Protein backbone atom coordinates (compact mmCIF):
# COMPACT_ATOMS: atom_id res chain seq x y z
CA MET A 1 2.41 -57.43 -40.98
CA ALA A 2 2.09 -54.76 -43.65
CA LEU A 3 0.01 -55.25 -46.74
CA SER A 4 1.57 -54.78 -50.12
CA ARG A 5 0.33 -52.17 -52.58
CA LYS A 6 -1.21 -54.98 -54.71
CA LYS A 7 -3.18 -56.37 -51.73
CA TRP A 8 -4.46 -52.87 -50.84
CA ASN A 9 -5.57 -52.35 -54.43
CA ASN A 10 -7.44 -55.68 -54.35
CA ILE A 11 -9.15 -54.72 -51.08
CA ILE A 12 -10.22 -51.36 -52.54
CA ILE A 13 -11.54 -53.01 -55.70
CA LEU A 14 -13.54 -55.61 -53.73
CA ALA A 15 -14.94 -52.95 -51.37
CA SER A 16 -15.98 -50.83 -54.37
CA ILE A 17 -17.72 -53.76 -56.05
CA MET A 18 -19.57 -54.59 -52.82
CA MET A 19 -20.67 -50.98 -52.35
CA ILE A 20 -21.93 -50.70 -55.94
CA SER A 21 -23.82 -53.98 -55.53
CA ILE A 22 -25.47 -52.83 -52.31
CA LEU A 23 -26.46 -49.46 -53.78
CA THR A 24 -27.85 -51.12 -56.91
CA LEU A 25 -29.89 -53.53 -54.79
CA LEU A 26 -31.25 -50.67 -52.66
CA LYS A 27 -32.15 -48.65 -55.77
CA ASN A 28 -33.97 -51.63 -57.30
CA LYS A 29 -35.88 -52.27 -54.06
CA THR A 30 -36.99 -48.65 -53.57
CA ALA A 31 -37.74 -47.86 -57.24
CA THR A 32 -40.72 -50.19 -57.36
CA LEU A 33 -44.07 -49.56 -55.74
CA PRO A 34 -45.05 -51.79 -52.82
CA ASP A 35 -47.70 -54.41 -53.54
CA ASP A 36 -50.20 -52.72 -51.24
CA ALA A 37 -49.77 -49.21 -52.74
CA ARG A 38 -52.89 -47.88 -54.44
CA PRO A 39 -53.35 -44.72 -56.51
CA LEU A 40 -55.01 -41.84 -54.67
CA PHE A 41 -56.61 -40.58 -57.90
CA ASP A 42 -58.13 -42.47 -60.83
CA ASN A 43 -59.94 -41.63 -64.08
CA ASN A 44 -63.24 -41.01 -62.28
CA SER A 45 -61.76 -38.86 -59.52
CA SER A 46 -58.72 -37.07 -60.87
CA LEU A 47 -56.77 -34.27 -59.28
CA VAL A 48 -57.72 -30.84 -60.65
CA GLN A 49 -56.24 -28.49 -58.08
CA LEU A 50 -53.76 -28.70 -55.21
CA GLN A 51 -52.42 -26.19 -52.74
CA LEU A 52 -49.33 -27.01 -50.66
CA ASP A 53 -49.11 -24.29 -48.03
CA THR A 54 -48.91 -21.15 -50.25
CA LEU A 55 -47.88 -22.94 -53.46
CA TRP A 56 -50.51 -24.21 -55.85
CA LEU A 57 -51.12 -26.11 -59.06
CA ASN A 58 -54.19 -26.20 -61.26
CA LYS A 59 -55.11 -28.44 -64.17
CA GLY A 60 -55.60 -26.18 -67.15
CA SER A 61 -57.27 -27.15 -70.41
CA LYS A 62 -53.95 -28.15 -72.02
CA ALA A 63 -51.31 -28.28 -69.29
CA TRP A 64 -50.82 -27.83 -65.57
CA GLN A 65 -50.48 -24.28 -64.29
CA CYS A 66 -48.53 -23.51 -61.11
CA HIS A 67 -47.54 -20.75 -58.75
CA PRO A 68 -45.02 -18.48 -60.54
CA ASP A 69 -42.17 -19.46 -58.17
CA ILE A 70 -42.35 -23.18 -59.07
CA LEU A 71 -39.74 -24.20 -61.63
CA ASN A 72 -40.80 -27.84 -62.16
CA CYS A 73 -44.54 -27.34 -62.62
CA GLN A 74 -45.31 -30.22 -64.99
CA SER A 75 -43.25 -32.85 -63.15
CA TRP A 76 -44.54 -31.67 -59.75
CA ALA A 77 -48.14 -31.88 -60.97
CA LYS A 78 -47.52 -35.32 -62.50
CA ALA A 79 -46.05 -36.57 -59.22
CA TRP A 80 -49.10 -35.49 -57.21
CA SER A 81 -51.65 -36.65 -59.78
CA GLU A 82 -50.02 -40.11 -59.97
CA ILE A 83 -49.29 -40.56 -56.24
CA HIS A 84 -49.70 -44.03 -54.74
CA LEU A 85 -50.30 -44.66 -51.04
CA SER A 86 -50.16 -47.61 -48.68
CA ALA A 87 -52.77 -47.49 -45.93
CA LEU A 88 -51.28 -47.92 -42.48
CA GLY A 89 -54.56 -49.23 -41.09
CA GLN A 90 -55.83 -48.76 -37.57
CA ASP A 91 -53.09 -50.66 -35.71
CA ILE A 92 -52.80 -48.80 -32.39
CA ASP A 93 -49.05 -49.52 -32.08
CA ILE A 94 -48.28 -48.10 -35.54
CA LEU A 95 -50.43 -45.02 -34.94
CA ALA A 96 -48.81 -44.42 -31.53
CA ALA A 97 -45.33 -44.73 -33.07
CA ILE A 98 -46.29 -42.25 -35.79
CA ASP A 99 -47.63 -39.78 -33.23
CA ASP A 100 -44.43 -40.08 -31.15
CA ASP A 101 -42.12 -39.71 -34.17
CA ILE A 102 -43.81 -36.79 -35.91
CA ASP A 103 -43.34 -33.16 -35.10
CA LYS A 104 -46.86 -31.90 -35.73
CA HIS A 105 -45.44 -28.46 -36.53
CA SER A 106 -43.55 -29.89 -39.53
CA ALA A 107 -46.78 -30.76 -41.32
CA GLN A 108 -47.59 -29.06 -44.57
CA ARG A 109 -51.22 -28.34 -45.37
CA VAL A 110 -52.35 -29.90 -48.63
CA VAL A 111 -55.71 -28.81 -50.01
CA ILE A 112 -56.86 -31.20 -52.72
CA GLN A 113 -59.66 -30.53 -55.19
CA ILE A 114 -60.92 -33.61 -57.01
CA ALA A 115 -62.87 -33.54 -60.27
CA ASP A 116 -66.68 -33.52 -59.84
CA LYS A 117 -66.42 -32.83 -56.08
CA GLN A 118 -67.63 -29.51 -54.71
CA GLN A 119 -65.77 -29.59 -51.40
CA PRO A 120 -61.95 -29.59 -51.31
CA GLN A 121 -60.16 -31.90 -48.86
CA LEU A 122 -57.57 -30.80 -46.30
CA TRP A 123 -54.74 -33.32 -45.82
CA GLN A 124 -51.56 -33.09 -43.75
CA PHE A 125 -48.29 -33.90 -45.53
CA TYR A 126 -45.15 -34.93 -43.64
CA PRO A 127 -42.47 -34.93 -46.36
CA LYS A 128 -39.60 -35.96 -44.07
CA GLN A 129 -41.40 -39.16 -42.99
CA GLY A 130 -43.22 -39.72 -46.29
CA LEU A 131 -46.66 -39.68 -44.65
CA LEU A 132 -50.06 -38.25 -45.49
CA GLU A 133 -52.89 -37.85 -43.00
CA SER A 134 -56.36 -37.78 -44.53
CA PRO A 135 -59.23 -35.55 -43.39
CA ALA A 136 -60.66 -38.64 -41.63
CA LYS A 137 -57.37 -38.95 -39.63
CA ASN A 138 -56.25 -42.07 -41.53
CA TRP A 139 -52.52 -42.42 -42.15
CA TYR A 140 -50.91 -43.32 -45.47
CA LEU A 141 -47.32 -44.08 -46.39
CA ILE A 142 -45.87 -42.67 -49.62
CA PRO A 143 -43.47 -45.07 -51.37
CA PRO A 144 -39.83 -43.89 -51.19
CA SER A 145 -39.61 -43.79 -55.00
CA GLN A 146 -42.29 -41.07 -55.15
CA ARG A 147 -41.40 -38.86 -52.18
CA GLU A 148 -38.80 -36.54 -53.69
CA ALA A 149 -40.97 -35.51 -56.64
CA LEU A 150 -43.77 -34.31 -54.32
CA SER A 151 -41.73 -31.29 -53.23
CA PRO A 152 -41.59 -28.48 -55.78
CA ILE A 153 -38.42 -26.77 -56.93
CA ILE A 154 -38.76 -23.14 -55.90
CA LYS A 155 -37.22 -20.16 -57.72
CA ALA A 156 -34.35 -18.68 -55.72
CA LYS A 157 -34.87 -15.18 -54.37
CA VAL A 158 -32.39 -12.63 -53.13
CA SER A 159 -33.31 -10.57 -50.12
CA VAL A 160 -31.69 -7.18 -49.74
CA ASN A 161 -30.98 -6.12 -46.16
CA HIS A 162 -30.18 -2.47 -45.44
């Protein structure tokens, strides 16, 4: 039994409406911060300097300053200075699953300098999984709504091969 053109059009319209509804629901769910997410920095301990592998940002007197290759300096700095994290706790099963899932070589070194602290902190950042590992080996989950902004936009370079 073949479907008429009108029935196919109705099926396409209904499928489109369902897809838009699902995508809207997913966007609304991931755009908000989880209830257990807490800011990493506050007014008393604000971010003043960060180094992500070889890229860096520094809080100047008026605005953020960044490595010359970073195109989105202000938004990248804002994302890191306003980051929220959910502690994953010390549940052995969760920590074992994280260790199994993560390629330790994919970690990016994040050196964080906090206001009024002499010693910088070395964290491990796993952008693909949205995880941060603290210097004390505690694991934190970055909300999906904040993950993309934590990676800088880098200026394109052309390499000349002879």
